[in-house]
N, C-alpha and C. Protein backbone atom coordinates (compact mmCIF):
# COMPACT_ATOMS: atom_id res chain seq x y z
N UNK A 1 -21.29 20.44 8.80
CA UNK A 1 -22.78 21.20 7.78
C UNK A 1 -23.98 21.27 8.32
N UNK A 2 -24.13 22.24 10.07
CA UNK A 2 -24.98 22.57 9.77
C UNK A 2 -25.65 24.03 8.64
N UNK A 3 -24.20 24.72 8.78
CA UNK A 3 -24.84 25.25 7.05
C UNK A 3 -25.67 24.76 6.59
N UNK A 4 -24.83 23.15 6.12
CA UNK A 4 -26.01 22.91 4.22
C UNK A 4 -26.98 22.05 5.10
N UNK A 5 -27.78 22.37 6.60
CA UNK A 5 -29.08 22.48 6.65
C UNK A 5 -29.48 23.80 6.58
N UNK A 6 -28.97 23.88 7.00
CA UNK A 6 -29.53 25.43 6.71
C UNK A 6 -29.93 25.85 5.12
N UNK A 7 -29.39 26.01 4.19
CA UNK A 7 -29.66 26.11 3.60
C UNK A 7 -30.29 25.20 2.80
N UNK A 8 -30.86 23.93 3.31
CA UNK A 8 -31.60 23.23 2.47
C UNK A 8 -33.07 23.20 3.43
N UNK A 9 -33.51 24.13 4.75
CA UNK A 9 -34.82 24.45 4.55
C UNK A 9 -35.57 24.26 4.40
N UNK A 10 -35.59 25.58 2.74
CA UNK A 10 -36.46 25.18 2.10
C UNK A 10 -37.17 23.62 1.36
N UNK A 11 -36.07 23.07 1.06
CA UNK A 11 -36.53 21.78 0.65
C UNK A 11 -37.50 21.13 1.25
N UNK A 12 -38.31 20.44 0.14
CA UNK A 12 -39.54 19.27 0.74
C UNK A 12 -38.61 18.26 2.31
N UNK A 13 -39.27 17.98 3.26
CA UNK A 13 -39.29 17.23 4.13
C UNK A 13 -39.59 15.33 3.90
N UNK A 14 -39.55 14.76 3.91
CA UNK A 14 -39.78 13.50 3.67
C UNK A 14 -39.18 12.41 4.60
N UNK A 15 -40.08 11.46 5.42
CA UNK A 15 -40.00 10.64 6.42
C UNK A 15 -39.82 9.20 6.11
N UNK A 16 -38.38 8.50 6.15
CA UNK A 16 -38.69 7.49 5.93
C UNK A 16 -38.36 6.87 6.93
N UNK A 17 -38.56 5.65 7.11
CA UNK A 17 -38.72 4.47 8.45
C UNK A 17 -37.89 3.67 8.25
N UNK A 18 -37.81 2.83 9.73
CA UNK A 18 -37.02 1.59 10.10
C UNK A 18 -37.00 0.79 8.62
N UNK A 19 -35.91 0.26 7.56
CA UNK A 19 -35.85 -0.40 6.53
C UNK A 19 -35.79 0.07 5.57
N UNK A 20 -36.49 1.48 5.68
CA UNK A 20 -36.85 1.32 4.44
C UNK A 20 -35.61 1.94 3.64
N UNK A 21 -35.79 1.70 1.82
CA UNK A 21 -35.46 1.79 0.83
C UNK A 21 -35.30 3.78 1.09
N UNK A 22 -34.46 4.80 0.36
CA UNK A 22 -33.86 5.99 0.13
C UNK A 22 -33.86 6.07 -1.55
N UNK A 23 -32.97 5.39 -1.83
CA UNK A 23 -31.86 4.67 -2.91
C UNK A 23 -31.64 3.66 -3.21
N UNK A 24 -32.34 3.18 -4.61
CA UNK A 24 -31.72 2.27 -4.68
C UNK A 24 -31.28 1.38 -6.11
N UNK A 25 -29.46 0.61 -5.83
CA UNK A 25 -28.92 0.68 -6.16
C UNK A 25 -29.09 -0.52 -7.80
N UNK A 26 -28.99 1.10 -8.87
CA UNK A 26 -29.14 0.38 -10.15
C UNK A 26 -30.01 1.43 -10.47
N UNK A 27 -30.39 1.61 -9.94
CA UNK A 27 -31.83 3.63 -10.13
C UNK A 27 -31.96 3.95 -9.92
N UNK A 28 -32.33 4.60 -11.31
CA UNK A 28 -32.07 6.62 -11.91
C UNK A 28 -33.29 7.11 -11.29
N UNK A 29 -33.04 8.25 -10.03
CA UNK A 29 -33.47 9.46 -9.35
C UNK A 29 -34.37 10.42 -10.01
N UNK A 30 -32.75 10.72 -9.78
CA UNK A 30 -32.39 12.44 -10.07
C UNK A 30 -33.08 13.30 -9.20
N UNK A 31 -32.39 12.47 -8.18
CA UNK A 31 -33.23 13.45 -6.65
C UNK A 31 -31.62 13.44 -6.38
N UNK A 32 -31.96 14.23 -4.80
CA UNK A 32 -29.90 13.94 -4.70
C UNK A 32 -31.21 14.87 -2.98
N UNK A 33 -30.49 14.33 -2.35
CA UNK A 33 -30.91 13.78 -1.15
C UNK A 33 -30.08 14.51 0.09
N UNK A 34 -30.53 14.72 1.57
CA UNK A 34 -29.29 15.74 2.62
C UNK A 34 -30.08 15.46 3.91
N UNK A 35 -29.46 14.04 5.12
CA UNK A 35 -29.34 13.91 6.33
C UNK A 35 -30.12 14.99 6.88
N UNK A 36 -31.51 14.89 7.22
CA UNK A 36 -31.57 16.51 8.15
C UNK A 36 -31.23 15.50 9.96
N UNK A 37 -31.95 13.50 10.08
CA UNK A 37 -31.75 13.74 11.18
C UNK A 37 -32.86 11.51 11.00
N UNK A 38 -31.92 11.36 12.13
CA UNK A 38 -32.41 9.50 11.81
C UNK A 38 -30.06 9.14 11.59
N UNK A 39 -30.51 7.82 11.25
CA UNK A 39 -29.52 6.93 10.40
C UNK A 39 -29.69 6.53 9.82
N UNK A 40 -28.52 6.15 8.73
CA UNK A 40 -28.98 5.40 7.22
C UNK A 40 -27.53 4.58 6.86
N UNK A 41 -28.26 3.75 6.89
CA UNK A 41 -26.24 2.14 6.58
C UNK A 41 -26.98 2.41 4.21
N UNK A 42 -25.18 2.36 3.65
CA UNK A 42 -25.04 2.29 2.40
C UNK A 42 -24.46 0.99 2.63
N UNK A 43 -25.18 0.55 1.77
CA UNK A 43 -25.49 -1.02 0.82
C UNK A 43 -24.91 -1.02 -0.18
N UNK A 44 -24.27 -2.12 -0.57
CA UNK A 44 -22.95 -2.42 -2.43
C UNK A 44 -23.52 -3.79 -2.19
N UNK A 45 -24.56 -3.59 -3.85
CA UNK A 45 -24.52 -5.84 -3.22
C UNK A 45 -25.60 -5.92 -2.48
N UNK A 46 -25.68 -6.60 -1.19
CA UNK A 46 -25.72 -6.85 0.53
C UNK A 46 -24.86 -6.28 1.19
N UNK A 47 -23.78 -5.79 1.03
CA UNK A 47 -22.62 -5.30 1.88
C UNK A 47 -23.12 -4.39 2.05
N UNK A 48 -23.16 -4.37 2.76
CA UNK A 48 -22.70 -3.24 4.67
C UNK A 48 -21.52 -1.95 4.49
N UNK A 49 -21.75 -1.35 3.35
CA UNK A 49 -20.14 0.36 3.27
C UNK A 49 -20.35 1.16 4.68
N UNK A 50 -21.03 1.34 4.95
CA UNK A 50 -21.49 2.72 5.52
C UNK A 50 -22.70 3.36 6.55
N UNK A 51 -22.36 3.36 7.79
CA UNK A 51 -23.11 4.15 8.61
C UNK A 51 -23.19 5.24 8.62
N UNK A 52 -24.54 6.12 8.60
CA UNK A 52 -24.29 7.64 8.31
C UNK A 52 -25.54 8.48 9.05
N UNK A 53 -24.67 8.95 10.29
CA UNK A 53 -25.33 9.57 10.82
C UNK A 53 -25.49 11.21 11.28
N UNK A 54 -25.36 11.74 10.57
CA UNK A 54 -25.21 12.26 10.72
C UNK A 54 -25.54 14.20 9.33
N UNK A 55 -26.24 14.99 10.15
CA UNK A 55 -26.82 15.68 9.84
C UNK A 55 -25.99 16.73 8.85
N UNK A 56 -26.91 16.67 8.34
CA UNK A 56 -26.00 17.53 6.98
C UNK A 56 -25.42 16.11 5.14
N UNK A 57 -24.99 14.72 5.44
CA UNK A 57 -24.93 13.97 4.80
C UNK A 57 -25.80 14.59 3.97
N UNK A 58 -24.53 13.80 2.63
CA UNK A 58 -25.75 14.25 1.07
C UNK A 58 -25.95 12.77 0.19
N UNK A 59 -26.92 12.32 0.17
CA UNK A 59 -26.94 10.59 -0.74
C UNK A 59 -27.65 10.60 -1.94
N UNK A 60 -27.22 10.35 -2.46
CA UNK A 60 -27.57 10.61 -4.14
C UNK A 60 -27.19 11.10 -5.26
N UNK A 61 -25.33 11.47 -4.59
CA UNK A 61 -24.62 13.44 -5.35
C UNK A 61 -23.88 12.70 -7.22
N UNK A 62 -23.55 11.03 -6.47
CA UNK A 62 -22.78 10.38 -8.40
C UNK A 62 -23.91 10.89 -8.95
N UNK A 63 -24.81 10.17 -8.46
CA UNK A 63 -26.12 9.73 -9.84
C UNK A 63 -26.75 11.26 -9.84
N UNK A 64 -26.92 11.93 -9.25
CA UNK A 64 -26.71 13.10 -9.71
C UNK A 64 -26.19 14.39 -9.95
N UNK A 65 -24.88 14.20 -10.22
CA UNK A 65 -23.96 15.06 -10.93
C UNK A 65 -23.51 14.58 -11.90
N UNK A 66 -24.16 13.35 -12.43
CA UNK A 66 -23.33 12.81 -13.77
C UNK A 66 -25.05 11.77 -14.68
N UNK A 67 -25.70 11.76 -14.39
CA UNK A 67 -26.80 11.83 -14.52
C UNK A 67 -27.32 10.26 -13.91
N UNK A 68 -27.02 9.03 -14.03
CA UNK A 68 -26.32 7.72 -13.91
C UNK A 68 -27.26 6.84 -12.83
N UNK A 69 -27.72 5.58 -12.71
CA UNK A 69 -28.06 4.62 -11.84
C UNK A 69 -27.05 4.97 -10.66
N UNK A 70 -27.61 4.76 -9.57
CA UNK A 70 -27.29 5.52 -8.39
C UNK A 70 -25.95 3.85 -7.84
N UNK A 71 -24.84 4.38 -7.67
CA UNK A 71 -24.09 3.45 -7.33
C UNK A 71 -24.14 2.07 -6.09
N UNK A 72 -25.51 2.99 -4.78
CA UNK A 72 -25.70 1.79 -3.69
C UNK A 72 -27.05 2.61 -3.85
N UNK A 73 -27.39 1.55 -2.70
CA UNK A 73 -28.80 1.35 -2.02
C UNK A 73 -28.32 1.97 -1.02
N UNK A 74 -29.27 3.43 -0.72
CA UNK A 74 -29.07 3.51 0.98
C UNK A 74 -30.84 3.31 1.27
N UNK A 75 -30.63 2.73 3.01
CA UNK A 75 -31.81 2.10 3.87
C UNK A 75 -32.11 3.17 4.72
N UNK A 76 -32.56 3.10 5.89
CA UNK A 76 -32.97 3.58 7.17
C UNK A 76 -32.85 2.46 7.64
N UNK A 77 -31.59 3.50 8.59
CA UNK A 77 -31.83 1.99 10.39
C UNK A 77 -32.48 2.77 11.74
N UNK A 78 -33.02 3.25 11.52
CA UNK A 78 -33.91 4.26 11.73
C UNK A 78 -34.87 4.81 11.28
N UNK A 79 -36.11 5.53 12.50
CA UNK A 79 -36.53 6.66 11.51
C UNK A 79 -35.37 8.14 10.77
N UNK A 80 -35.87 8.14 9.84
CA UNK A 80 -34.69 9.47 9.19
C UNK A 80 -35.95 10.12 8.51
N UNK A 81 -35.48 11.38 8.87
CA UNK A 81 -36.03 12.55 8.08
C UNK A 81 -34.50 13.18 6.96
N UNK A 82 -35.08 12.75 5.50
CA UNK A 82 -33.78 13.06 5.31
C UNK A 82 -34.68 14.74 4.19
N UNK A 83 -33.99 16.15 3.70
CA UNK A 83 -34.51 16.72 2.13
C UNK A 83 -34.41 15.94 1.38
N UNK A 84 -35.54 16.96 0.14
CA UNK A 84 -34.88 15.73 -1.00
C UNK A 84 -35.10 17.27 -2.02
N UNK A 85 -34.64 17.40 -2.49
CA UNK A 85 -34.54 17.92 -3.68
C UNK A 85 -34.42 17.00 -5.57
N UNK A 86 -36.19 17.53 -5.53
CA UNK A 86 -35.83 17.29 -6.80
C UNK A 86 -35.20 17.27 -8.28
N UNK A 87 -34.99 18.97 -7.71
CA UNK A 87 -34.07 18.77 -9.53
C UNK A 87 -33.05 19.71 -8.50
N UNK A 88 -32.28 18.18 -8.37
CA UNK A 88 -30.94 18.73 -8.18
C UNK A 88 -29.53 19.76 -8.61
N UNK A 89 -30.44 20.07 -10.03
CA UNK A 89 -29.22 20.73 -10.57
C UNK A 89 -29.24 21.76 -10.40
N UNK A 90 -30.33 22.39 -11.02
CA UNK A 90 -31.02 23.08 -10.31
C UNK A 90 -31.34 23.55 -8.40
N UNK A 91 -30.93 23.15 -7.53
CA UNK A 91 -31.15 22.90 -5.97
C UNK A 91 -29.37 23.27 -6.65
N UNK A 92 -27.90 23.05 -6.93
CA UNK A 92 -26.97 23.38 -6.60
C UNK A 92 -26.85 24.82 -7.56
N UNK A 93 -26.95 24.84 -8.23
CA UNK A 93 -27.09 25.76 -9.33
C UNK A 93 -27.57 27.51 -8.04
N UNK A 94 -28.40 27.11 -7.72
CA UNK A 94 -29.10 28.08 -6.90
C UNK A 94 -27.83 28.16 -5.73
N UNK A 95 -27.66 27.09 -5.55
CA UNK A 95 -26.77 26.89 -3.76
C UNK A 95 -25.27 26.29 -3.81
N UNK A 96 -24.32 27.54 -4.62
CA UNK A 96 -23.38 27.66 -5.16
C UNK A 96 -22.72 27.10 -3.28
N UNK A 97 -22.66 27.29 -2.55
CA UNK A 97 -22.17 26.93 -1.31
C UNK A 97 -22.31 25.43 -0.70
N UNK A 98 -23.53 25.08 -1.25
CA UNK A 98 -23.28 23.37 -1.31
C UNK A 98 -23.07 22.78 -2.36
N UNK A 99 -23.07 23.11 -3.44
CA UNK A 99 -21.58 22.63 -4.48
C UNK A 99 -20.66 22.75 -4.63
N UNK A 100 -20.33 23.36 -3.47
CA UNK A 100 -18.48 23.80 -3.18
C UNK A 100 -18.12 22.30 -2.14
N UNK A 101 -19.56 22.92 -1.36
CA UNK A 101 -19.34 21.03 0.30
C UNK A 101 -19.47 20.04 -0.67
N UNK A 102 -20.50 20.28 -1.25
CA UNK A 102 -20.48 18.75 -1.83
C UNK A 102 -19.25 18.53 -2.98
N UNK A 103 -18.40 19.73 -4.36
CA UNK A 103 -17.21 19.21 -4.74
C UNK A 103 -16.28 19.10 -3.77
N UNK A 104 -16.13 19.40 -2.61
CA UNK A 104 -14.69 19.18 -1.29
C UNK A 104 -15.45 17.75 -0.92
N UNK A 105 -16.39 17.32 -0.55
CA UNK A 105 -16.40 15.92 -0.13
C UNK A 105 -15.99 14.73 -1.07
N UNK A 106 -16.54 15.40 -2.97
CA UNK A 106 -16.32 14.37 -3.19
C UNK A 106 -14.01 14.16 -3.29
N UNK A 107 -13.82 15.20 -3.25
CA UNK A 107 -12.17 15.55 -3.84
C UNK A 107 -11.78 14.70 -2.31
N UNK A 108 -12.35 15.38 -1.00
CA UNK A 108 -11.46 14.08 0.20
C UNK A 108 -11.98 12.27 -0.51
N UNK A 109 -12.34 12.47 -0.77
CA UNK A 109 -13.68 11.18 -1.27
C UNK A 109 -12.42 10.48 -2.37
N UNK A 110 -11.96 11.22 -3.69
CA UNK A 110 -10.68 10.83 -4.50
C UNK A 110 -9.85 11.00 -3.87
N UNK A 111 -9.37 12.14 -3.13
CA UNK A 111 -8.07 11.50 -2.39
C UNK A 111 -8.04 10.68 -1.98
N UNK A 112 -8.89 9.77 -0.63
CA UNK A 112 -9.04 9.02 0.54
C UNK A 112 -9.29 7.98 -0.46
N UNK A 113 -9.47 7.11 -1.73
CA UNK A 113 -9.34 5.40 -2.38
C UNK A 113 -8.02 6.55 -4.08
N UNK A 114 -7.13 7.50 -4.17
CA UNK A 114 -6.30 7.01 -4.53
C UNK A 114 -5.00 7.15 -3.27
N UNK A 115 -5.22 7.84 -2.59
CA UNK A 115 -4.12 7.56 -1.69
C UNK A 115 -3.82 5.81 -0.85
N UNK A 116 -5.66 4.77 -1.18
CA UNK A 116 -5.38 3.44 -1.23
C UNK A 116 -4.41 2.56 -1.51
N UNK A 117 -5.28 3.51 -2.46
CA UNK A 117 -4.66 2.92 -4.16
C UNK A 117 -3.14 2.41 -4.33
N UNK A 118 -3.10 4.20 -4.29
CA UNK A 118 -1.08 3.40 -3.90
C UNK A 118 -0.14 2.93 -2.92
N UNK A 119 -0.81 3.17 -1.77
CA UNK A 119 -0.92 1.59 -0.50
C UNK A 119 -0.65 0.12 -1.22
N UNK A 120 -1.66 -0.06 -2.20
CA UNK A 120 -2.41 -1.50 -2.08
C UNK A 120 -1.28 -1.64 -3.15
N UNK A 121 -0.78 -0.16 -4.57
CA UNK A 121 0.06 -1.26 -5.48
C UNK A 121 1.77 -0.91 -4.01
N UNK A 122 2.02 -0.10 -4.18
CA UNK A 122 3.35 -0.26 -2.81
C UNK A 122 3.21 -1.60 -2.19
N UNK A 123 2.07 -1.74 -1.62
CA UNK A 123 2.19 -3.57 -0.68
C UNK A 123 2.30 -4.96 -1.14
N UNK A 124 1.62 -4.33 -3.06
CA UNK A 124 1.15 -5.57 -3.81
C UNK A 124 2.36 -5.83 -5.17
N UNK A 125 3.65 -4.65 -5.31
CA UNK A 125 3.69 -3.83 -6.35
C UNK A 125 4.91 -5.08 -7.22
N UNK A 126 5.37 -6.24 -6.64
CA UNK A 126 6.15 -7.26 -6.32
C UNK A 126 5.30 -8.51 -6.76
N UNK A 127 4.26 -8.75 -6.86
CA UNK A 127 3.07 -9.30 -7.03
C UNK A 127 3.34 -9.43 -8.62
N UNK A 128 2.65 -10.65 -8.82
CA UNK A 128 2.02 -11.31 -10.53
C UNK A 128 0.95 -11.54 -10.66
N UNK A 129 -0.10 -10.69 -10.07
CA UNK A 129 -1.54 -11.23 -10.59
C UNK A 129 -2.37 -10.27 -10.16
N UNK A 130 -3.39 -10.94 -10.71
CA UNK A 130 -4.73 -9.44 -10.21
C UNK A 130 -4.69 -7.48 -10.42
N UNK A 131 -3.92 -8.13 -8.87
CA UNK A 131 -3.85 -6.10 -7.93
C UNK A 131 -2.62 -5.51 -9.01
N UNK A 132 -1.79 -6.29 -9.97
CA UNK A 132 -0.72 -5.75 -10.42
C UNK A 132 -1.60 -4.79 -11.77
N UNK A 133 -3.43 -4.37 -11.56
CA UNK A 133 -4.09 -3.72 -11.73
C UNK A 133 -4.06 -2.39 -11.37
N UNK A 134 -3.70 -2.25 -10.05
CA UNK A 134 -3.92 -1.13 -9.22
C UNK A 134 -3.60 0.22 -10.11
N UNK A 135 -1.93 -0.36 -10.54
CA UNK A 135 -1.36 1.04 -12.34
C UNK A 135 -2.31 1.40 -12.89
N UNK A 136 -2.98 1.22 -13.47
CA UNK A 136 -3.59 1.01 -14.36
C UNK A 136 -4.68 1.31 -13.86
N UNK A 137 -5.77 1.66 -12.41
CA UNK A 137 -6.33 2.29 -12.03
C UNK A 137 -5.88 3.78 -11.24
N UNK A 138 -4.98 3.57 -10.90
CA UNK A 138 -3.89 5.35 -10.26
C UNK A 138 -4.61 5.58 -11.66
N UNK A 139 -3.14 5.36 -13.09
CA UNK A 139 -3.03 6.38 -13.95
C UNK A 139 -5.03 6.60 -14.47
N UNK A 140 -5.09 5.92 -14.46
CA UNK A 140 -7.15 6.46 -15.20
C UNK A 140 -7.69 7.36 -13.72
N UNK A 141 -7.21 6.94 -13.02
CA UNK A 141 -7.56 8.22 -11.83
C UNK A 141 -6.99 9.50 -12.04
N UNK A 142 -6.03 9.69 -11.95
CA UNK A 142 -4.79 10.94 -12.01
C UNK A 142 -5.11 11.61 -13.68
N UNK A 143 -5.73 10.69 -14.82
CA UNK A 143 -4.54 11.81 -15.68
C UNK A 143 -5.21 11.60 -17.00
N UNK A 144 -6.70 10.62 -16.92
CA UNK A 144 -7.41 9.67 -17.87
C UNK A 144 -8.71 10.70 -17.56
N UNK A 145 -8.70 12.05 -17.09
CA UNK A 145 -10.62 12.66 -17.08
C UNK A 145 -11.60 13.05 -17.86
N UNK A 146 -13.10 12.80 -17.47
CA UNK A 146 -13.45 11.87 -18.52
C UNK A 146 -14.01 11.68 -19.21
N UNK A 147 -13.42 10.97 -19.19
CA UNK A 147 -13.33 9.02 -19.92
C UNK A 147 -14.28 8.41 -19.77
N UNK A 148 -14.59 8.28 -20.03
CA UNK A 148 -16.22 7.05 -19.66
C UNK A 148 -16.28 6.13 -18.98
N UNK A 149 -17.05 5.74 -17.56
CA UNK A 149 -15.77 3.84 -17.52
C UNK A 149 -17.32 3.13 -16.98
N UNK A 150 -17.32 2.01 -16.92
CA UNK A 150 -18.86 1.15 -16.70
C UNK A 150 -18.65 0.87 -15.37
N UNK A 151 -18.86 0.13 -14.13
CA UNK A 151 -18.61 -0.21 -13.73
C UNK A 151 -19.06 -1.60 -13.35
N UNK A 152 -18.04 -2.27 -12.19
CA UNK A 152 -18.38 -3.58 -12.70
C UNK A 152 -17.00 -3.69 -13.42
N UNK A 153 -16.69 -4.81 -13.93
CA UNK A 153 -15.32 -5.84 -14.62
C UNK A 153 -15.49 -6.25 -15.37
N UNK A 154 -14.77 -7.25 -16.17
CA UNK A 154 -14.96 -8.32 -17.35
C UNK A 154 -14.90 -9.68 -15.97
N UNK A 155 -14.44 -9.81 -15.11
CA UNK A 155 -14.48 -10.27 -14.41
C UNK A 155 -16.53 -10.78 -13.67
N UNK A 156 -16.49 -9.46 -13.09
CA UNK A 156 -17.89 -9.56 -12.24
C UNK A 156 -18.28 -8.68 -13.19
N UNK A 157 -18.63 -8.23 -14.00
CA UNK A 157 -20.09 -7.30 -14.37
C UNK A 157 -20.92 -6.58 -13.00
N UNK A 158 -21.67 -5.67 -13.29
CA UNK A 158 -21.94 -4.73 -12.09
C UNK A 158 -23.63 -5.25 -12.51
N UNK A 159 -24.26 -5.98 -11.84
CA UNK A 159 -25.12 -6.38 -12.38
C UNK A 159 -26.65 -6.27 -12.31
N UNK A 160 -26.63 -4.52 -10.84
CA UNK A 160 -27.28 -4.05 -11.05
C UNK A 160 -27.38 -1.57 -11.71
N UNK A 161 -26.13 -1.98 -12.80
CA UNK A 161 -26.24 -0.83 -13.28
C UNK A 161 -27.15 -1.26 -14.64
N UNK A 162 -28.08 -0.58 -15.04
CA UNK A 162 -29.09 -0.99 -16.57
C UNK A 162 -28.41 -0.74 -17.40
C-alpha cells in the first residue's frame, strides 16, 4: 500500500474528525478516497461491516467506477486524513498502477464472495428455503457479466439507493 500512498502524494488531502461522515450510503459524490492516516468504519445501514486503519485503503471505488450511489457509509473512528481524487476517472487513467491495484482488490473481494457463496451452497443444498437462491446468485456472478442489478431485494429493498 506504500506505493499507493506515493502515487497519491499530489492529491489534495482532507481531514475528518472523529465521527464525521466521509461517504454516505445511497448518495453520489464522484469522489475516490485513499486513507493516509487514522481509522474509519464502514457501515451498511446501521451495521458496522468493517474497520479500516491501513494507509492506502480505497473508499468510494465502486461508486466511482460504476457511477452509482455509494454502497456503504464511511465514518471516521479517529481523526483521519484521506487523499481525495475529485475526478476519479481522470486520476485512475493517469495512474495505471493504482488502477491495477484497485482491480486486484476488487478481484480479491469477488473471489472471497464467490468462495463464501459456494460454501453456503454446499451447506444448504438440501434445504428448500430462501438459501436455495445461492445457486442463482453464483450463476449471476460467474456468467452474467455486464448485467445491471439493483441493490436490495423484493423482500427488503435498499432504501438508501436513489
